[in-house]
Amino acid sequence: MEQINVVTSVERRRRYSVEQKIRVVEESKQPGMTVSYVARKYGISPSMLFQWRRRMAEGGKQAVAADEDVVASSEVKELKRRIRELERVLGKKTMENEILKDAVELAHQKKLISRLPSLPEDDTP
């Protein structure tokens, strides 16, 4: 006997763990199973299940081709955010460094000028 869930209120977006997604995708790949049936069984849309299957297939292919681990997109987004922040700070520090170089050069020039012999004062009344 199949269970039927009646939704009577607005539900928030559900979150699925990686293990749950893998289990559902693997079940949808079993002989005789259809994506629609498995999606109904777990209360998800077929398009979501197709998306999980595609992502697992692409991620696996990319990992095998590059001989690397598959990295979660959330981790990639966080790393990209961190890179942007570091680039911003680096740009700011580079600008400060240029300003300080100019200031040191100007101060050096002023010291040289102050070391020059004084010009004779003009004796005109």
PDB file of N, CA and C in Angstrom:
ATOM      1  N   MET A   1       0.846  -1.181   0.000  1.00  0.00           N
ATOM      2  CA  MET A   1       0.000   0.000   0.000  1.00  0.00           C
ATOM      3  C   MET A   1       0.893   1.245   0.000  1.00  0.00           C
ATOM      4  N   GLU A   2       0.640   2.142  -0.931  1.00  0.00           N
ATOM      5  CA  GLU A   2       1.431   3.363  -1.037  1.00  0.00           C
ATOM      6  C   GLU A   2       0.850   4.438  -0.138  1.00  0.00           C
ATOM      7  N   GLN A   3       1.733   5.278   0.359  1.00  0.00           N
ATOM      8  CA  GLN A   3       1.337   6.365   1.227  1.00  0.00           C
ATOM      9  C   GLN A   3       1.100   7.620   0.400  1.00  0.00           C
ATOM     10  N   ILE A   4       0.043   8.338   0.699  1.00  0.00           N
ATOM     11  CA  ILE A   4      -0.269   9.576   0.004  1.00  0.00           C
ATOM     12  C   ILE A   4      -0.167  10.702   1.014  1.00  0.00           C
ATOM     13  N   ASN A   5       0.622  11.718   0.666  1.00  0.00           N
ATOM     14  CA  ASN A   5       0.784  12.887   1.530  1.00  0.00           C
ATOM     15  C   ASN A   5      -0.017  14.039   0.958  1.00  0.00           C
ATOM     16  N   VAL A   6      -0.853  14.649   1.788  1.00  0.00           N
ATOM     17  CA  VAL A   6      -1.625  15.809   1.388  1.00  0.00           C
ATOM     18  C   VAL A   6      -0.977  17.022   2.034  1.00  0.00           C
ATOM     19  N   VAL A   7      -0.545  17.957   1.212  1.00  0.00           N
ATOM     20  CA  VAL A   7       0.094  19.168   1.711  1.00  0.00           C
ATOM     21  C   VAL A   7      -0.989  20.214   1.902  1.00  0.00           C
ATOM     22  N   THR A   8      -1.137  20.669   3.157  1.00  0.00           N
ATOM     23  CA  THR A   8      -2.196  21.635   3.449  1.00  0.00           C
ATOM     24  C   THR A   8      -1.643  23.025   3.754  1.00  0.00           C
ATOM     25  N   SER A   9      -0.342  23.147   3.806  1.00  0.00           N
ATOM     26  CA  SER A   9       0.253  24.454   4.081  1.00  0.00           C
ATOM     27  C   SER A   9       1.463  24.661   3.171  1.00  0.00           C
ATOM     28  N   VAL A  10       1.961  25.877   3.195  1.00  0.00           N
ATOM     29  CA  VAL A  10       3.133  26.187   2.389  1.00  0.00           C
ATOM     30  C   VAL A  10       4.353  25.592   3.090  1.00  0.00           C
ATOM     31  N   GLU A  11       5.058  24.753   2.370  1.00  0.00           N
ATOM     32  CA  GLU A  11       6.237  24.128   2.952  1.00  0.00           C
ATOM     33  C   GLU A  11       7.482  24.867   2.504  1.00  0.00           C
ATOM     34  N   ARG A  12       8.471  24.844   3.361  1.00  0.00           N
ATOM     35  CA  ARG A  12       9.749  25.433   2.995  1.00  0.00           C
ATOM     36  C   ARG A  12      10.494  24.469   2.103  1.00  0.00           C
ATOM     37  N   ARG A  13      11.508  24.993   1.485  1.00  0.00           N
ATOM     38  CA  ARG A  13      12.334  24.190   0.591  1.00  0.00           C
ATOM     39  C   ARG A  13      12.993  23.075   1.392  1.00  0.00           C
ATOM     40  N   ARG A  14      12.899  21.873   0.889  1.00  0.00           N
ATOM     41  CA  ARG A  14      13.508  20.738   1.577  1.00  0.00           C
ATOM     42  C   ARG A  14      14.964  20.617   1.173  1.00  0.00           C
ATOM     43  N   ARG A  15      15.766  20.153   2.094  1.00  0.00           N
ATOM     44  CA  ARG A  15      17.187  19.923   1.852  1.00  0.00           C
ATOM     45  C   ARG A  15      17.442  18.422   1.927  1.00  0.00           C
ATOM     46  N   TYR A  16      18.211  17.938   0.978  1.00  0.00           N
ATOM     47  CA  TYR A  16      18.540  16.519   0.939  1.00  0.00           C
ATOM     48  C   TYR A  16      20.041  16.359   1.131  1.00  0.00           C
ATOM     49  N   SER A  17      20.412  15.375   1.928  1.00  0.00           N
ATOM     50  CA  SER A  17      21.834  15.112   2.125  1.00  0.00           C
ATOM     51  C   SER A  17      22.394  14.440   0.870  1.00  0.00           C
ATOM     52  N   VAL A  18      23.696  14.418   0.777  1.00  0.00           N
ATOM     53  CA  VAL A  18      24.345  13.783  -0.367  1.00  0.00           C
ATOM     54  C   VAL A  18      23.982  12.304  -0.416  1.00  0.00           C
ATOM     55  N   GLU A  19      23.959  11.668   0.744  1.00  0.00           N
ATOM     56  CA  GLU A  19      23.621  10.242   0.801  1.00  0.00           C
ATOM     57  C   GLU A  19      22.202   9.982   0.290  1.00  0.00           C
ATOM     58  N   GLN A  20      21.263  10.856   0.665  1.00  0.00           N
ATOM     59  CA  GLN A  20      19.885  10.706   0.194  1.00  0.00           C
ATOM     60  C   GLN A  20      19.816  10.858  -1.326  1.00  0.00           C
ATOM     61  N   LYS A  21      20.510  11.851  -1.846  1.00  0.00           N
ATOM     62  CA  LYS A  21      20.492  12.075  -3.288  1.00  0.00           C
ATOM     63  C   LYS A  21      21.079  10.870  -4.023  1.00  0.00           C
ATOM     64  N   ILE A  22      22.200  10.373  -3.526  1.00  0.00           N
ATOM     65  CA  ILE A  22      22.826   9.210  -4.167  1.00  0.00           C
ATOM     66  C   ILE A  22      21.892   8.016  -4.143  1.00  0.00           C
ATOM     67  N   ARG A  23      21.246   7.777  -3.005  1.00  0.00           N
ATOM     68  CA  ARG A  23      20.333   6.637  -2.885  1.00  0.00           C
ATOM     69  C   ARG A  23      19.176   6.755  -3.884  1.00  0.00           C
ATOM     70  N   VAL A  24      18.601   7.952  -4.004  1.00  0.00           N
ATOM     71  CA  VAL A  24      17.476   8.161  -4.921  1.00  0.00           C
ATOM     72  C   VAL A  24      17.936   8.003  -6.366  1.00  0.00           C
ATOM     73  N   VAL A  25      19.096   8.569  -6.706  1.00  0.00           N
ATOM     74  CA  VAL A  25      19.605   8.463  -8.076  1.00  0.00           C
ATOM     75  C   VAL A  25      19.898   7.007  -8.414  1.00  0.00           C
ATOM     76  N   GLU A  26      20.536   6.297  -7.498  1.00  0.00           N
ATOM     77  CA  GLU A  26      20.845   4.880  -7.748  1.00  0.00           C
ATOM     78  C   GLU A  26      19.566   4.062  -7.921  1.00  0.00           C
ATOM     79  N   GLU A  27      18.563   4.370  -7.119  1.00  0.00           N
ATOM     80  CA  GLU A  27      17.290   3.654  -7.256  1.00  0.00           C
ATOM     81  C   GLU A  27      16.652   3.939  -8.608  1.00  0.00           C
ATOM     82  N   SER A  28      16.778   5.174  -9.094  1.00  0.00           N
ATOM     83  CA  SER A  28      16.173   5.519 -10.385  1.00  0.00           C
ATOM     84  C   SER A  28      16.887   4.835 -11.543  1.00  0.00           C
ATOM     85  N   LYS A  29      18.111   4.365 -11.310  1.00  0.00           N
ATOM     86  CA  LYS A  29      18.872   3.698 -12.369  1.00  0.00           C
ATOM     87  C   LYS A  29      18.672   2.178 -12.379  1.00  0.00           C
ATOM     88  N   GLN A  30      17.936   1.684 -11.405  1.00  0.00           N
ATOM     89  CA  GLN A  30      17.688   0.243 -11.339  1.00  0.00           C
ATOM     90  C   GLN A  30      16.822  -0.201 -12.517  1.00  0.00           C
ATOM     91  N   PRO A  31      17.034  -1.427 -13.007  1.00  0.00           N
ATOM     92  CA  PRO A  31      16.209  -1.931 -14.117  1.00  0.00           C
ATOM     93  C   PRO A  31      14.728  -1.952 -13.730  1.00  0.00           C
ATOM     94  N   GLY A  32      13.911  -1.488 -14.629  1.00  0.00           N
ATOM     95  CA  GLY A  32      12.466  -1.486 -14.416  1.00  0.00           C
ATOM     96  C   GLY A  32      11.948  -0.266 -13.674  1.00  0.00           C
ATOM     97  N   MET A  33      12.827   0.566 -13.163  1.00  0.00           N
ATOM     98  CA  MET A  33      12.392   1.763 -12.432  1.00  0.00           C
ATOM     99  C   MET A  33      12.349   2.945 -13.392  1.00  0.00           C
ATOM    100  N   THR A  34      11.427   3.834 -13.180  1.00  0.00           N
ATOM    101  CA  THR A  34      11.362   5.044 -13.986  1.00  0.00           C
ATOM    102  C   THR A  34      11.625   6.249 -13.090  1.00  0.00           C
ATOM    103  N   VAL A  35      12.103   7.306 -13.700  1.00  0.00           N
ATOM    104  CA  VAL A  35      12.386   8.523 -12.952  1.00  0.00           C
ATOM    105  C   VAL A  35      11.099   9.058 -12.329  1.00  0.00           C
ATOM    106  N   SER A  36      10.023   9.018 -13.075  1.00  0.00           N
ATOM    107  CA  SER A  36       8.749   9.536 -12.564  1.00  0.00           C
ATOM    108  C   SER A  36       8.290   8.767 -11.332  1.00  0.00           C
ATOM    109  N   TYR A  37       8.398   7.452 -11.382  1.00  0.00           N
ATOM    110  CA  TYR A  37       7.970   6.627 -10.248  1.00  0.00           C
ATOM    111  C   TYR A  37       8.808   6.929  -9.007  1.00  0.00           C
ATOM    112  N   VAL A  38      10.122   6.968  -9.174  1.00  0.00           N
ATOM    113  CA  VAL A  38      11.013   7.224  -8.035  1.00  0.00           C
ATOM    114  C   VAL A  38      10.790   8.637  -7.492  1.00  0.00           C
ATOM    115  N   ALA A  39      10.605   9.587  -8.373  1.00  0.00           N
ATOM    116  CA  ALA A  39      10.355  10.964  -7.942  1.00  0.00           C
ATOM    117  C   ALA A  39       9.067  11.055  -7.130  1.00  0.00           C
ATOM    118  N   ARG A  40       8.001  10.406  -7.612  1.00  0.00           N
ATOM    119  CA  ARG A  40       6.744  10.391  -6.851  1.00  0.00           C
ATOM    120  C   ARG A  40       6.933   9.710  -5.505  1.00  0.00           C
ATOM    121  N   LYS A  41       7.669   8.625  -5.501  1.00  0.00           N
ATOM    122  CA  LYS A  41       7.899   7.850  -4.276  1.00  0.00           C
ATOM    123  C   LYS A  41       8.552   8.717  -3.190  1.00  0.00           C
ATOM    124  N   TYR A  42       9.486   9.565  -3.575  1.00  0.00           N
ATOM    125  CA  TYR A  42      10.200  10.389  -2.602  1.00  0.00           C
ATOM    126  C   TYR A  42       9.665  11.816  -2.509  1.00  0.00           C
ATOM    127  N   GLY A  43       8.638  12.128  -3.279  1.00  0.00           N
ATOM    128  CA  GLY A  43       8.008  13.445  -3.189  1.00  0.00           C
ATOM    129  C   GLY A  43       8.847  14.567  -3.775  1.00  0.00           C
ATOM    130  N   ILE A  44       9.582  14.249  -4.829  1.00  0.00           N
ATOM    131  CA  ILE A  44      10.365  15.284  -5.502  1.00  0.00           C
ATOM    132  C   ILE A  44       9.912  15.373  -6.951  1.00  0.00           C
ATOM    133  N   SER A  45      10.273  16.439  -7.602  1.00  0.00           N
ATOM    134  CA  SER A  45       9.865  16.573  -9.002  1.00  0.00           C
ATOM    135  C   SER A  45      10.807  15.748  -9.881  1.00  0.00           C
ATOM    136  N   PRO A  46      10.288  15.206 -10.972  1.00  0.00           N
ATOM    137  CA  PRO A  46      11.146  14.447 -11.882  1.00  0.00           C
ATOM    138  C   PRO A  46      12.300  15.284 -12.426  1.00  0.00           C
ATOM    139  N   SER A  47      12.051  16.574 -12.652  1.00  0.00           N
ATOM    140  CA  SER A  47      13.131  17.423 -13.167  1.00  0.00           C
ATOM    141  C   SER A  47      14.274  17.530 -12.160  1.00  0.00           C
ATOM    142  N   MET A  48      13.940  17.545 -10.863  1.00  0.00           N
ATOM    143  CA  MET A  48      14.975  17.590  -9.825  1.00  0.00           C
ATOM    144  C   MET A  48      15.806  16.306  -9.866  1.00  0.00           C
ATOM    145  N   LEU A  49      15.136  15.181 -10.016  1.00  0.00           N
ATOM    146  CA  LEU A  49      15.843  13.896 -10.077  1.00  0.00           C
ATOM    147  C   LEU A  49      16.715  13.809 -11.326  1.00  0.00           C
ATOM    148  N   PHE A  50      16.214  14.286 -12.459  1.00  0.00           N
ATOM    149  CA  PHE A  50      17.030  14.312 -13.676  1.00  0.00           C
ATOM    150  C   PHE A  50      18.262  15.213 -13.473  1.00  0.00           C
ATOM    151  N   GLN A  51      18.046  16.318 -12.790  1.00  0.00           N
ATOM    152  CA  GLN A  51      19.158  17.237 -12.520  1.00  0.00           C
ATOM    153  C   GLN A  51      20.211  16.555 -11.634  1.00  0.00           C
ATOM    154  N   TRP A  52      19.796  15.845 -10.595  1.00  0.00           N
ATOM    155  CA  TRP A  52      20.732  15.119  -9.737  1.00  0.00           C
ATOM    156  C   TRP A  52      21.500  14.075 -10.538  1.00  0.00           C
ATOM    157  N   ARG A  53      20.780  13.358 -11.398  1.00  0.00           N
ATOM    158  CA  ARG A  53      21.441  12.323 -12.205  1.00  0.00           C
ATOM    159  C   ARG A  53      22.486  12.935 -13.130  1.00  0.00           C
ATOM    160  N   ARG A  54      22.126  14.045 -13.773  1.00  0.00           N
ATOM    161  CA  ARG A  54      23.053  14.710 -14.688  1.00  0.00           C
ATOM    162  C   ARG A  54      24.278  15.214 -13.936  1.00  0.00           C
ATOM    163  N   ARG A  55      24.068  15.844 -12.795  1.00  0.00           N
ATOM    164  CA  ARG A  55      25.187  16.364 -12.022  1.00  0.00           C
ATOM    165  C   ARG A  55      26.109  15.252 -11.535  1.00  0.00           C
ATOM    166  N   MET A  56      25.533  14.142 -11.129  1.00  0.00           N
ATOM    167  CA  MET A  56      26.366  13.020 -10.679  1.00  0.00           C
ATOM    168  C   MET A  56      27.167  12.459 -11.843  1.00  0.00           C
ATOM    169  N   ALA A  57      26.543  12.367 -13.004  1.00  0.00           N
ATOM    170  CA  ALA A  57      27.244  11.835 -14.171  1.00  0.00           C
ATOM    171  C   ALA A  57      28.366  12.782 -14.602  1.00  0.00           C
ATOM    172  N   GLU A  58      28.084  14.082 -14.654  1.00  0.00           N
ATOM    173  CA  GLU A  58      29.093  15.055 -15.063  1.00  0.00           C
ATOM    174  C   GLU A  58      30.221  15.144 -14.051  1.00  0.00           C
ATOM    175  N   GLY A  59      29.865  15.168 -12.781  1.00  0.00           N
ATOM    176  CA  GLY A  59      30.877  15.247 -11.731  1.00  0.00           C
ATOM    177  C   GLY A  59      31.784  14.041 -11.749  1.00  0.00           C
ATOM    178  N   GLY A  60      31.207  12.879 -11.956  1.00  0.00           N
ATOM    179  CA  GLY A  60      32.008  11.665 -12.013  1.00  0.00           C
ATOM    180  C   GLY A  60      32.936  11.662 -13.216  1.00  0.00           C
ATOM    181  N   LYS A  61      32.437  12.104 -14.370  1.00  0.00           N
ATOM    182  CA  LYS A  61      33.265  12.158 -15.576  1.00  0.00           C
ATOM    183  C   LYS A  61      34.412  13.138 -15.411  1.00  0.00           C
ATOM    184  N   GLN A  62      34.104  14.301 -14.853  1.00  0.00           N
ATOM    185  CA  GLN A  62      35.139  15.311 -14.668  1.00  0.00           C
ATOM    186  C   GLN A  62      36.199  14.831 -13.684  1.00  0.00           C
ATOM    187  N   ALA A  63      35.767  14.171 -12.614  1.00  0.00           N
ATOM    188  CA  ALA A  63      36.720  13.684 -11.622  1.00  0.00           C
ATOM    189  C   ALA A  63      37.622  12.612 -12.212  1.00  0.00           C
ATOM    190  N   VAL A  64      37.059  11.730 -13.011  1.00  0.00           N
ATOM    191  CA  VAL A  64      37.859  10.663 -13.623  1.00  0.00           C
ATOM    192  C   VAL A  64      38.809  11.239 -14.661  1.00  0.00           C
ATOM    193  N   ALA A  65      38.332  12.173 -15.472  1.00  0.00           N
ATOM    194  CA  ALA A  65      39.163  12.761 -16.515  1.00  0.00           C
ATOM    195  C   ALA A  65      40.331  13.539 -15.925  1.00  0.00           C
ATOM    196  N   ALA A  66      40.098  14.240 -14.830  1.00  0.00           N
ATOM    197  CA  ALA A  66      41.150  15.056 -14.219  1.00  0.00           C
ATOM    198  C   ALA A  66      41.911  14.291 -13.151  1.00  0.00           C
ATOM    199  N   ASP A  67      41.457  13.103 -12.812  1.00  0.00           N
ATOM    200  CA  ASP A  67      42.055  12.299 -11.746  1.00  0.00           C
ATOM    201  C   ASP A  67      42.079  13.093 -10.440  1.00  0.00           C
ATOM    202  N   GLU A  68      40.948  13.758 -10.151  1.00  0.00           N
ATOM    203  CA  GLU A  68      40.822  14.586  -8.956  1.00  0.00           C
ATOM    204  C   GLU A  68      39.517  14.268  -8.248  1.00  0.00           C
ATOM    205  N   ASP A  69      39.411  14.787  -7.015  1.00  0.00           N
ATOM    206  CA  ASP A  69      38.178  14.659  -6.262  1.00  0.00           C
ATOM    207  C   ASP A  69      37.151  15.657  -6.773  1.00  0.00           C
ATOM    208  N   VAL A  70      35.885  15.325  -6.666  1.00  0.00           N
ATOM    209  CA  VAL A  70      34.815  16.244  -7.027  1.00  0.00           C
ATOM    210  C   VAL A  70      34.603  17.175  -5.842  1.00  0.00           C
ATOM    211  N   VAL A  71      34.526  18.469  -6.109  1.00  0.00           N
ATOM    212  CA  VAL A  71      34.374  19.467  -5.061  1.00  0.00           C
ATOM    213  C   VAL A  71      32.959  20.022  -5.128  1.00  0.00           C
ATOM    214  N   ALA A  72      32.356  20.214  -3.980  1.00  0.00           N
ATOM    215  CA  ALA A  72      30.998  20.747  -3.910  1.00  0.00           C
ATOM    216  C   ALA A  72      30.973  22.176  -4.443  1.00  0.00           C
ATOM    217  N   SER A  73      29.886  22.530  -5.109  1.00  0.00           N
ATOM    218  CA  SER A  73      29.785  23.881  -5.674  1.00  0.00           C
ATOM    219  C   SER A  73      29.765  24.936  -4.580  1.00  0.00           C
ATOM    220  N   SER A  74      29.232  24.610  -3.397  1.00  0.00           N
ATOM    221  CA  SER A  74      29.241  25.571  -2.291  1.00  0.00           C
ATOM    222  C   SER A  74      30.675  25.873  -1.865  1.00  0.00           C
ATOM    223  N   GLU A  75      31.531  24.855  -1.884  1.00  0.00           N
ATOM    224  CA  GLU A  75      32.934  25.068  -1.537  1.00  0.00           C
ATOM    225  C   GLU A  75      33.620  25.930  -2.599  1.00  0.00           C
ATOM    226  N   VAL A  76      33.303  25.683  -3.855  1.00  0.00           N
ATOM    227  CA  VAL A  76      33.880  26.480  -4.942  1.00  0.00           C
ATOM    228  C   VAL A  76      33.431  27.943  -4.805  1.00  0.00           C
ATOM    229  N   LYS A  77      32.145  28.168  -4.512  1.00  0.00           N
ATOM    230  CA  LYS A  77      31.640  29.535  -4.342  1.00  0.00           C
ATOM    231  C   LYS A  77      32.346  30.235  -3.190  1.00  0.00           C
ATOM    232  N   GLU A  78      32.549  29.523  -2.082  1.00  0.00           N
ATOM    233  CA  GLU A  78      33.226  30.111  -0.934  1.00  0.00           C
ATOM    234  C   GLU A  78      34.671  30.457  -1.277  1.00  0.00           C
ATOM    235  N   LEU A  79      35.346  29.582  -1.984  1.00  0.00           N
ATOM    236  CA  LEU A  79      36.731  29.848  -2.381  1.00  0.00           C
ATOM    237  C   LEU A  79      36.812  31.028  -3.347  1.00  0.00           C
ATOM    238  N   LYS A  80      35.869  31.124  -4.276  1.00  0.00           N
ATOM    239  CA  LYS A  80      35.850  32.260  -5.206  1.00  0.00           C
ATOM    240  C   LYS A  80      35.594  33.565  -4.459  1.00  0.00           C
ATOM    241  N   ARG A  81      34.705  33.531  -3.461  1.00  0.00           N
ATOM    242  CA  ARG A  81      34.437  34.713  -2.644  1.00  0.00           C
ATOM    243  C   ARG A  81      35.700  35.127  -1.911  1.00  0.00           C
ATOM    244  N   ARG A  82      36.406  34.164  -1.383  1.00  0.00           N
ATOM    245  CA  ARG A  82      37.660  34.436  -0.651  1.00  0.00           C
ATOM    246  C   ARG A  82      38.720  35.025  -1.589  1.00  0.00           C
ATOM    247  N   ILE A  83      38.806  34.500  -2.801  1.00  0.00           N
ATOM    248  CA  ILE A  83      39.759  35.029  -3.784  1.00  0.00           C
ATOM    249  C   ILE A  83      39.431  36.481  -4.111  1.00  0.00           C
ATOM    250  N   ARG A  84      38.138  36.791  -4.335  1.00  0.00           N
ATOM    251  CA  ARG A  84      37.738  38.174  -4.622  1.00  0.00           C
ATOM    252  C   ARG A  84      38.136  39.105  -3.482  1.00  0.00           C
ATOM    253  N   GLU A  85      37.914  38.649  -2.247  1.00  0.00           N
ATOM    254  CA  GLU A  85      38.260  39.461  -1.080  1.00  0.00           C
ATOM    255  C   GLU A  85      39.770  39.685  -1.014  1.00  0.00           C
ATOM    256  N   LEU A  86      40.552  38.645  -1.240  1.00  0.00           N
ATOM    257  CA  LEU A  86      42.008  38.776  -1.211  1.00  0.00           C
ATOM    258  C   LEU A  86      42.513  39.679  -2.334  1.00  0.00           C
ATOM    259  N   GLU A  87      41.898  39.582  -3.521  1.00  0.00           N
ATOM    260  CA  GLU A  87      42.286  40.461  -4.628  1.00  0.00           C
ATOM    261  C   GLU A  87      41.972  41.915  -4.302  1.00  0.00           C
ATOM    262  N   ARG A  88      40.844  42.144  -3.635  1.00  0.00           N
ATOM    263  CA  ARG A  88      40.473  43.500  -3.243  1.00  0.00           C
ATOM    264  C   ARG A  88      41.497  44.060  -2.257  1.00  0.00           C
ATOM    265  N   VAL A  89      41.846  43.264  -1.249  1.00  0.00           N
ATOM    266  CA  VAL A  89      42.826  43.706  -0.253  1.00  0.00           C
ATOM    267  C   VAL A  89      44.190  43.927  -0.906  1.00  0.00           C
ATOM    268  N   LEU A  90      44.574  43.031  -1.812  1.00  0.00           N
ATOM    269  CA  LEU A  90      45.850  43.176  -2.512  1.00  0.00           C
ATOM    270  C   LEU A  90      45.880  44.465  -3.328  1.00  0.00           C
ATOM    271  N   GLY A  91      44.804  44.775  -4.017  1.00  0.00           N
ATOM    272  CA  GLY A  91      44.727  46.010  -4.790  1.00  0.00           C
ATOM    273  C   GLY A  91      44.865  47.234  -3.901  1.00  0.00           C
ATOM    274  N   LYS A  92      44.204  47.185  -2.753  1.00  0.00           N
ATOM    275  CA  LYS A  92      44.281  48.299  -1.807  1.00  0.00           C
ATOM    276  C   LYS A  92      45.714  48.470  -1.301  1.00  0.00           C
ATOM    277  N   LYS A  93      46.355  47.367  -0.948  1.00  0.00           N
ATOM    278  CA  LYS A  93      47.738  47.427  -0.446  1.00  0.00           C
ATOM    279  C   LYS A  93      48.708  47.874  -1.541  1.00  0.00           C
ATOM    280  N   THR A  94      48.475  47.467  -2.760  1.00  0.00           N
ATOM    281  CA  THR A  94      49.319  47.894  -3.875  1.00  0.00           C
ATOM    282  C   THR A  94      49.218  49.403  -4.058  1.00  0.00           C
ATOM    283  N   MET A  95      48.001  49.933  -3.974  1.00  0.00           N
ATOM    284  CA  MET A  95      47.805  51.367  -4.114  1.00  0.00           C
ATOM    285  C   MET A  95      48.503  52.098  -2.964  1.00  0.00           C
ATOM    286  N   GLU A  96      48.370  51.610  -1.741  1.00  0.00           N
ATOM    287  CA  GLU A  96      49.045  52.222  -0.594  1.00  0.00           C
ATOM    288  C   GLU A  96      50.567  52.209  -0.797  1.00  0.00           C
ATOM    289  N   ASN A  97      51.076  51.113  -1.304  1.00  0.00           N
ATOM    290  CA  ASN A  97      52.509  50.972  -1.546  1.00  0.00           C
ATOM    291  C   ASN A  97      52.986  52.010  -2.563  1.00  0.00           C
ATOM    292  N   GLU A  98      52.235  52.203  -3.639  1.00  0.00           N
ATOM    293  CA  GLU A  98      52.596  53.198  -4.655  1.00  0.00           C
ATOM    294  C   GLU A  98      52.595  54.606  -4.065  1.00  0.00           C
ATOM    295  N   ILE A  99      51.600  54.896  -3.246  1.00  0.00           N
ATOM    296  CA  ILE A  99      51.525  56.216  -2.615  1.00  0.00           C
ATOM    297  C   ILE A  99      52.725  56.424  -1.701  1.00  0.00           C
ATOM    298  N   LEU A 100      53.074  55.410  -0.922  1.00  0.00           N
ATOM    299  CA  LEU A 100      54.222  55.519  -0.023  1.00  0.00           C
ATOM    300  C   LEU A 100      55.529  55.681  -0.797  1.00  0.00           C
ATOM    301  N   LYS A 101      55.677  54.976  -1.912  1.00  0.00           N
ATOM    302  CA  LYS A 101      56.873  55.137  -2.746  1.00  0.00           C
ATOM    303  C   LYS A 101      57.003  56.576  -3.223  1.00  0.00           C
ATOM    304  N   ASP A 102      55.889  57.125  -3.700  1.00  0.00           N
ATOM    305  CA  ASP A 102      55.900  58.510  -4.172  1.00  0.00           C
ATOM    306  C   ASP A 102      56.241  59.465  -3.025  1.00  0.00           C
ATOM    307  N   ALA A 103      55.689  59.212  -1.852  1.00  0.00           N
ATOM    308  CA  ALA A 103      55.950  60.078  -0.703  1.00  0.00           C
ATOM    309  C   ALA A 103      57.417  60.005  -0.288  1.00  0.00           C
ATOM    310  N   VAL A 104      57.994  58.808  -0.281  1.00  0.00           N
ATOM    311  CA  VAL A 104      59.409  58.646   0.074  1.00  0.00           C
ATOM    312  C   VAL A 104      60.284  59.349  -0.950  1.00  0.00           C
ATOM    313  N   GLU A 105      59.959  59.211  -2.213  1.00  0.00           N
ATOM    314  CA  GLU A 105      60.742  59.864  -3.268  1.00  0.00           C
ATOM    315  C   GLU A 105      60.660  61.379  -3.125  1.00  0.00           C
ATOM    316  N   LEU A 106      59.499  61.900  -2.862  1.00  0.00           N
ATOM    317  CA  LEU A 106      59.323  63.339  -2.682  1.00  0.00           C
ATOM    318  C   LEU A 106      60.097  63.826  -1.463  1.00  0.00           C
ATOM    319  N   ALA A 107      60.036  63.081  -0.367  1.00  0.00           N
ATOM    320  CA  ALA A 107      60.762  63.455   0.843  1.00  0.00           C
ATOM    321  C   ALA A 107      62.257  63.414   0.584  1.00  0.00           C
ATOM    322  N   HIS A 108      62.718  62.454  -0.162  1.00  0.00           N
ATOM    323  CA  HIS A 108      64.131  62.344  -0.498  1.00  0.00           C
ATOM    324  C   HIS A 108      64.580  63.550  -1.328  1.00  0.00           C
ATOM    325  N   GLN A 109      63.760  63.950  -2.279  1.00  0.00           N
ATOM    326  CA  GLN A 109      64.081  65.112  -3.110  1.00  0.00           C
ATOM    327  C   GLN A 109      64.141  66.387  -2.269  1.00  0.00           C
ATOM    328  N   LYS A 110      63.246  66.518  -1.329  1.00  0.00           N
ATOM    329  CA  LYS A 110      63.229  67.707  -0.478  1.00  0.00           C
ATOM    330  C   LYS A 110      64.466  67.756   0.404  1.00  0.00           C
ATOM    331  N   LYS A 111      64.908  66.586   0.895  1.00  0.00           N
ATOM    332  CA  LYS A 111      66.127  66.552   1.705  1.00  0.00           C
ATOM    333  C   LYS A 111      67.319  66.985   0.871  1.00  0.00           C
ATOM    334  N   LEU A 112      67.384  66.553  -0.384  1.00  0.00           N
ATOM    335  CA  LEU A 112      68.499  66.939  -1.243  1.00  0.00           C
ATOM    336  C   LEU A 112      68.490  68.435  -1.493  1.00  0.00           C
ATOM    337  N   ILE A 113      67.324  68.988  -1.670  1.00  0.00           N
ATOM    338  CA  ILE A 113      67.212  70.424  -1.912  1.00  0.00           C
ATOM    339  C   ILE A 113      67.671  71.190  -0.677  1.00  0.00           C
ATOM    340  N   SER A 114      67.286  70.722   0.495  1.00  0.00           N
ATOM    341  CA  SER A 114      67.676  71.420   1.715  1.00  0.00           C
ATOM    342  C   SER A 114      69.176  71.318   1.968  1.00  0.00           C
ATOM    343  N   ARG A 115      69.870  70.353   1.383  1.00  0.00           N
ATOM    344  CA  ARG A 115      71.308  70.197   1.559  1.00  0.00           C
ATOM    345  C   ARG A 115      72.115  71.095   0.598  1.00  0.00           C
ATOM    346  N   LEU A 116      71.486  71.626  -0.413  1.00  0.00           N
ATOM    347  CA  LEU A 116      72.188  72.499  -1.353  1.00  0.00           C
ATOM    348  C   LEU A 116      72.608  73.787  -0.654  1.00  0.00           C
ATOM    349  N   PRO A 117      73.701  74.371  -1.091  1.00  0.00           N
ATOM    350  CA  PRO A 117      74.110  75.634  -0.455  1.00  0.00           C
ATOM    351  C   PRO A 117      73.051  76.710  -0.691  1.00  0.00           C
ATOM    352  N   SER A 118      72.927  77.554   0.270  1.00  0.00           N
ATOM    353  CA  SER A 118      71.925  78.616   0.186  1.00  0.00           C
ATOM    354  C   SER A 118      72.306  79.594  -0.904  1.00  0.00           C
ATOM    355  N   LEU A 119      71.322  80.088  -1.560  1.00  0.00           N
ATOM    356  CA  LEU A 119      71.556  81.123  -2.566  1.00  0.00           C
ATOM    357  C   LEU A 119      71.812  82.440  -1.850  1.00  0.00           C
ATOM    358  N   PRO A 120      72.661  83.252  -2.418  1.00  0.00           N
ATOM    359  CA  PRO A 120      72.912  84.550  -1.745  1.00  0.00           C
ATOM    360  C   PRO A 120      71.636  85.372  -1.730  1.00  0.00           C
ATOM    361  N   GLU A 121      71.442  86.009  -0.627  1.00  0.00           N
ATOM    362  CA  GLU A 121      70.254  86.823  -0.505  1.00  0.00           C
ATOM    363  C   GLU A 121      70.408  88.082  -1.338  1.00  0.00           C
ATOM    364  N   ASP A 122      69.319  88.513  -1.842  1.00  0.00           N
ATOM    365  CA  ASP A 122      69.332  89.686  -2.683  1.00  0.00           C
ATOM    366  C   ASP A 122      69.444  90.931  -1.784  1.00  0.00           C
ATOM    367  N   ASP A 123      70.451  91.818  -2.046  1.00  0.00           N
ATOM    368  CA  ASP A 123      70.699  92.995  -1.209  1.00  0.00           C
ATOM    369  C   ASP A 123      69.984  94.235  -1.720  1.00  0.00           C
ATOM    370  N   THR A 124      69.080  94.100  -2.601  1.00  0.00           N
ATOM    371  CA  THR A 124      68.388  95.269  -3.136  1.00  0.00           C
ATOM    372  C   THR A 124      67.422  95.806  -2.111  1.00  0.00           C
ATOM    373  N   PRO A 125      67.423  97.211  -1.969  1.00  0.00           N
ATOM    374  CA  PRO A 125      66.495  97.805  -0.989  1.00  0.00           C
ATOM    375  C   PRO A 125      65.084  97.811  -1.384  1.00  0.00           C
TER     376      PRO A 125
END
